[in-house]
Amino acid sequence: MLSDLGFLAVVGFATFRLWRLLAVDNVTASSRSRLGSGFLGFLACPWCAGFWLSVIVVLVLWRWGDIEWVQIVTMIFAVSGLVGLLAAWTGSD
């Protein structure tokens, strides 16, 4: 079983990957071209979209996982921060 830090890393990387799939990858380019410019700007921002993707990911884990309520709030902000940092580190920011 993963430690808490290991679990956070896995969830953070998974969320980063989800954001990148939606906002950057070529496989979703045609879908993105149909979105309005305001939403595209939101989606292109890893800090903005990363936060909301983190909310979704953590809530899904909370619903079907074994995570305490206090950890939910912490995980949302930690995962969102990790998504933004990873995006900046990879030049996707």
N, C-alpha and C. Protein backbone atom coordinates (compact mmCIF):
# COMPACT_ATOMS: atom_id res chain seq x y z
N MET A 1 0.84 -1.18 0.00
CA MET A 1 0.00 0.00 0.00
C MET A 1 0.88 1.25 0.00
N LEU A 2 0.45 2.28 -0.70
CA LEU A 2 1.21 3.52 -0.79
C LEU A 2 1.11 4.32 0.50
N SER A 3 2.17 5.04 0.82
CA SER A 3 2.12 5.99 1.92
C SER A 3 1.23 7.15 1.50
N ASP A 4 0.89 8.02 2.45
CA ASP A 4 0.07 9.18 2.11
C ASP A 4 0.76 10.05 1.07
N LEU A 5 2.06 10.25 1.21
CA LEU A 5 2.80 11.05 0.26
C LEU A 5 2.85 10.37 -1.11
N GLY A 6 3.02 9.08 -1.13
CA GLY A 6 3.00 8.33 -2.38
C GLY A 6 1.65 8.40 -3.06
N PHE A 7 0.59 8.28 -2.27
CA PHE A 7 -0.76 8.38 -2.80
C PHE A 7 -1.01 9.76 -3.39
N LEU A 8 -0.57 10.80 -2.68
CA LEU A 8 -0.72 12.17 -3.18
C LEU A 8 0.03 12.35 -4.50
N ALA A 9 1.22 11.79 -4.59
CA ALA A 9 2.00 11.89 -5.82
C ALA A 9 1.28 11.21 -6.98
N VAL A 10 0.74 10.04 -6.73
CA VAL A 10 0.02 9.30 -7.78
C VAL A 10 -1.22 10.09 -8.23
N VAL A 11 -1.98 10.59 -7.27
CA VAL A 11 -3.18 11.35 -7.61
C VAL A 11 -2.80 12.65 -8.33
N GLY A 12 -1.73 13.30 -7.88
CA GLY A 12 -1.28 14.53 -8.54
C GLY A 12 -0.85 14.29 -9.97
N PHE A 13 -0.08 13.26 -10.18
CA PHE A 13 0.35 12.95 -11.54
C PHE A 13 -0.83 12.53 -12.42
N ALA A 14 -1.76 11.79 -11.84
CA ALA A 14 -2.95 11.39 -12.61
C ALA A 14 -3.78 12.62 -13.01
N THR A 15 -3.91 13.56 -12.09
CA THR A 15 -4.67 14.78 -12.39
C THR A 15 -3.94 15.63 -13.41
N PHE A 16 -2.62 15.71 -13.28
CA PHE A 16 -1.83 16.43 -14.28
C PHE A 16 -2.05 15.82 -15.66
N ARG A 17 -2.04 14.53 -15.71
CA ARG A 17 -2.22 13.84 -17.00
C ARG A 17 -3.60 14.12 -17.57
N LEU A 18 -4.61 14.12 -16.72
CA LEU A 18 -5.97 14.42 -17.17
C LEU A 18 -6.05 15.84 -17.71
N TRP A 19 -5.44 16.80 -16.99
CA TRP A 19 -5.44 18.18 -17.47
C TRP A 19 -4.73 18.28 -18.81
N ARG A 20 -3.58 17.66 -18.91
CA ARG A 20 -2.81 17.74 -20.15
C ARG A 20 -3.58 17.11 -21.31
N LEU A 21 -4.26 16.02 -21.06
CA LEU A 21 -5.08 15.38 -22.09
C LEU A 21 -6.15 16.34 -22.59
N LEU A 22 -6.79 17.03 -21.68
CA LEU A 22 -7.87 17.94 -22.06
C LEU A 22 -7.37 19.24 -22.67
N ALA A 23 -6.24 19.76 -22.18
CA ALA A 23 -5.82 21.11 -22.56
C ALA A 23 -4.71 21.18 -23.59
N VAL A 24 -3.89 20.15 -23.71
CA VAL A 24 -2.67 20.27 -24.52
C VAL A 24 -2.56 19.21 -25.62
N ASP A 25 -2.88 17.99 -25.31
CA ASP A 25 -2.62 16.89 -26.23
C ASP A 25 -3.35 17.04 -27.56
N ASN A 26 -2.71 16.58 -28.61
CA ASN A 26 -3.28 16.65 -29.96
C ASN A 26 -4.55 15.82 -30.11
N VAL A 27 -4.67 14.76 -29.35
CA VAL A 27 -5.82 13.86 -29.50
C VAL A 27 -7.14 14.58 -29.19
N THR A 28 -7.10 15.64 -28.40
CA THR A 28 -8.33 16.37 -28.07
C THR A 28 -8.39 17.74 -28.76
N ALA A 29 -7.49 18.00 -29.69
CA ALA A 29 -7.44 19.31 -30.36
C ALA A 29 -8.73 19.63 -31.10
N SER A 30 -9.30 18.67 -31.80
CA SER A 30 -10.53 18.95 -32.55
C SER A 30 -11.69 19.27 -31.61
N SER A 31 -11.75 18.59 -30.47
CA SER A 31 -12.80 18.89 -29.48
C SER A 31 -12.60 20.28 -28.89
N ARG A 32 -11.35 20.64 -28.61
CA ARG A 32 -11.07 21.97 -28.06
C ARG A 32 -11.42 23.07 -29.04
N SER A 33 -11.27 22.81 -30.34
CA SER A 33 -11.54 23.85 -31.34
C SER A 33 -13.01 24.24 -31.37
N ARG A 34 -13.88 23.40 -30.85
CA ARG A 34 -15.31 23.69 -30.83
C ARG A 34 -15.74 24.45 -29.58
N LEU A 35 -14.83 24.64 -28.64
CA LEU A 35 -15.16 25.34 -27.40
C LEU A 35 -14.98 26.85 -27.57
N GLY A 36 -15.68 27.61 -26.78
CA GLY A 36 -15.55 29.07 -26.82
C GLY A 36 -14.19 29.52 -26.31
N SER A 37 -13.79 30.72 -26.70
CA SER A 37 -12.46 31.22 -26.33
C SER A 37 -12.32 31.40 -24.83
N GLY A 38 -13.40 31.76 -24.12
CA GLY A 38 -13.35 31.90 -22.67
C GLY A 38 -13.05 30.59 -21.99
N PHE A 39 -13.71 29.53 -22.43
CA PHE A 39 -13.47 28.22 -21.83
C PHE A 39 -12.09 27.69 -22.21
N LEU A 40 -11.66 27.99 -23.42
CA LEU A 40 -10.32 27.56 -23.83
C LEU A 40 -9.25 28.23 -22.98
N GLY A 41 -9.46 29.50 -22.67
CA GLY A 41 -8.53 30.20 -21.79
C GLY A 41 -8.50 29.58 -20.41
N PHE A 42 -9.67 29.22 -19.90
CA PHE A 42 -9.77 28.55 -18.60
C PHE A 42 -9.07 27.20 -18.65
N LEU A 43 -9.34 26.42 -19.67
CA LEU A 43 -8.77 25.08 -19.79
C LEU A 43 -7.26 25.13 -19.96
N ALA A 44 -6.75 26.14 -20.65
CA ALA A 44 -5.31 26.25 -20.88
C ALA A 44 -4.54 26.63 -19.62
N CYS A 45 -5.23 27.13 -18.62
CA CYS A 45 -4.57 27.55 -17.37
C CYS A 45 -4.51 26.36 -16.40
N PRO A 46 -3.32 25.82 -16.14
CA PRO A 46 -3.24 24.66 -15.24
C PRO A 46 -3.65 24.99 -13.82
N TRP A 47 -3.51 26.26 -13.40
CA TRP A 47 -3.92 26.63 -12.05
C TRP A 47 -5.44 26.68 -11.96
N CYS A 48 -6.11 27.14 -13.00
CA CYS A 48 -7.58 27.25 -13.00
C CYS A 48 -8.22 25.88 -13.22
N ALA A 49 -7.95 25.30 -14.36
CA ALA A 49 -8.54 24.01 -14.68
C ALA A 49 -8.02 22.92 -13.75
N GLY A 50 -6.75 23.05 -13.35
CA GLY A 50 -6.16 22.06 -12.44
C GLY A 50 -6.88 21.99 -11.12
N PHE A 51 -7.32 23.16 -10.61
CA PHE A 51 -8.06 23.16 -9.34
C PHE A 51 -9.36 22.37 -9.50
N TRP A 52 -10.13 22.67 -10.54
CA TRP A 52 -11.43 22.02 -10.70
C TRP A 52 -11.29 20.55 -11.06
N LEU A 53 -10.30 20.20 -11.83
CA LEU A 53 -10.04 18.79 -12.09
C LEU A 53 -9.65 18.08 -10.80
N SER A 54 -8.89 18.76 -9.96
CA SER A 54 -8.51 18.19 -8.67
C SER A 54 -9.73 17.97 -7.79
N VAL A 55 -10.66 18.92 -7.81
CA VAL A 55 -11.91 18.75 -7.05
C VAL A 55 -12.62 17.48 -7.51
N ILE A 56 -12.75 17.32 -8.80
CA ILE A 56 -13.44 16.15 -9.34
C ILE A 56 -12.73 14.87 -8.96
N VAL A 57 -11.41 14.82 -9.17
CA VAL A 57 -10.64 13.62 -8.87
C VAL A 57 -10.73 13.25 -7.40
N VAL A 58 -10.52 14.23 -6.54
CA VAL A 58 -10.54 13.96 -5.10
C VAL A 58 -11.94 13.55 -4.65
N LEU A 59 -12.98 14.20 -5.17
CA LEU A 59 -14.34 13.81 -4.78
C LEU A 59 -14.69 12.40 -5.25
N VAL A 60 -14.22 12.04 -6.42
CA VAL A 60 -14.43 10.65 -6.88
C VAL A 60 -13.73 9.68 -5.95
N LEU A 61 -12.49 10.00 -5.57
CA LEU A 61 -11.76 9.15 -4.64
C LEU A 61 -12.45 9.11 -3.28
N TRP A 62 -12.99 10.24 -2.87
CA TRP A 62 -13.70 10.30 -1.59
C TRP A 62 -14.95 9.43 -1.61
N ARG A 63 -15.67 9.50 -2.73
CA ARG A 63 -16.92 8.74 -2.84
C ARG A 63 -16.67 7.24 -2.88
N TRP A 64 -15.64 6.85 -3.60
CA TRP A 64 -15.40 5.43 -3.77
C TRP A 64 -14.12 4.95 -3.09
N GLY A 65 -13.49 5.79 -2.34
CA GLY A 65 -12.27 5.43 -1.63
C GLY A 65 -12.48 5.57 -0.13
N ASP A 66 -11.42 5.45 0.62
CA ASP A 66 -11.51 5.54 2.07
C ASP A 66 -10.66 6.74 2.55
N ILE A 67 -11.21 7.95 2.32
CA ILE A 67 -10.51 9.17 2.66
C ILE A 67 -11.36 9.95 3.66
N GLU A 68 -10.76 10.44 4.75
CA GLU A 68 -11.46 11.23 5.76
C GLU A 68 -11.81 12.61 5.19
N TRP A 69 -12.88 13.23 5.74
CA TRP A 69 -13.35 14.53 5.26
C TRP A 69 -12.27 15.60 5.35
N VAL A 70 -11.53 15.64 6.42
CA VAL A 70 -10.49 16.65 6.59
C VAL A 70 -9.42 16.50 5.51
N GLN A 71 -9.13 15.30 5.13
CA GLN A 71 -8.14 15.06 4.09
C GLN A 71 -8.63 15.52 2.73
N ILE A 72 -9.95 15.57 2.53
CA ILE A 72 -10.50 15.99 1.25
C ILE A 72 -10.05 17.41 0.91
N VAL A 73 -10.24 18.33 1.85
CA VAL A 73 -9.88 19.72 1.59
C VAL A 73 -8.38 19.83 1.35
N THR A 74 -7.60 19.16 2.15
CA THR A 74 -6.15 19.18 1.99
C THR A 74 -5.74 18.60 0.64
N MET A 75 -6.34 17.49 0.29
CA MET A 75 -6.00 16.85 -0.98
C MET A 75 -6.36 17.72 -2.18
N ILE A 76 -7.51 18.40 -2.12
CA ILE A 76 -7.93 19.25 -3.24
C ILE A 76 -6.87 20.32 -3.50
N PHE A 77 -6.46 21.01 -2.47
CA PHE A 77 -5.47 22.07 -2.66
C PHE A 77 -4.09 21.51 -3.01
N ALA A 78 -3.71 20.42 -2.38
CA ALA A 78 -2.39 19.84 -2.67
C ALA A 78 -2.32 19.31 -4.10
N VAL A 79 -3.33 18.61 -4.51
CA VAL A 79 -3.34 18.06 -5.87
C VAL A 79 -3.40 19.19 -6.89
N SER A 80 -4.21 20.21 -6.63
CA SER A 80 -4.29 21.35 -7.53
C SER A 80 -2.94 22.04 -7.65
N GLY A 81 -2.27 22.23 -6.52
CA GLY A 81 -0.94 22.85 -6.55
C GLY A 81 0.06 22.01 -7.32
N LEU A 82 0.00 20.72 -7.12
CA LEU A 82 0.91 19.82 -7.82
C LEU A 82 0.68 19.87 -9.33
N VAL A 83 -0.59 19.94 -9.74
CA VAL A 83 -0.90 20.05 -11.17
C VAL A 83 -0.28 21.31 -11.75
N GLY A 84 -0.45 22.44 -11.09
CA GLY A 84 0.12 23.69 -11.58
C GLY A 84 1.64 23.68 -11.62
N LEU A 85 2.25 23.13 -10.57
CA LEU A 85 3.71 23.05 -10.54
C LEU A 85 4.25 22.15 -11.64
N LEU A 86 3.60 21.03 -11.83
CA LEU A 86 4.03 20.12 -12.89
C LEU A 86 3.86 20.76 -14.27
N ALA A 87 2.79 21.51 -14.44
CA ALA A 87 2.58 22.18 -15.72
C ALA A 87 3.68 23.21 -15.97
N ALA A 88 4.02 23.98 -14.96
CA ALA A 88 5.08 24.96 -15.10
C ALA A 88 6.42 24.28 -15.36
N TRP A 89 6.67 23.20 -14.67
CA TRP A 89 7.92 22.46 -14.81
C TRP A 89 8.08 21.87 -16.21
N THR A 90 6.96 21.43 -16.80
CA THR A 90 7.02 20.84 -18.13
C THR A 90 6.86 21.86 -19.24
N GLY A 91 6.68 23.13 -18.89
CA GLY A 91 6.53 24.16 -19.90
C GLY A 91 5.13 24.26 -20.46
N SER A 92 4.15 23.66 -19.82
CA SER A 92 2.77 23.72 -20.28
C SER A 92 2.04 24.91 -19.69
N ASP A 93 2.68 25.66 -18.83
CA ASP A 93 2.07 26.78 -18.10
C ASP A 93 1.88 27.98 -18.98
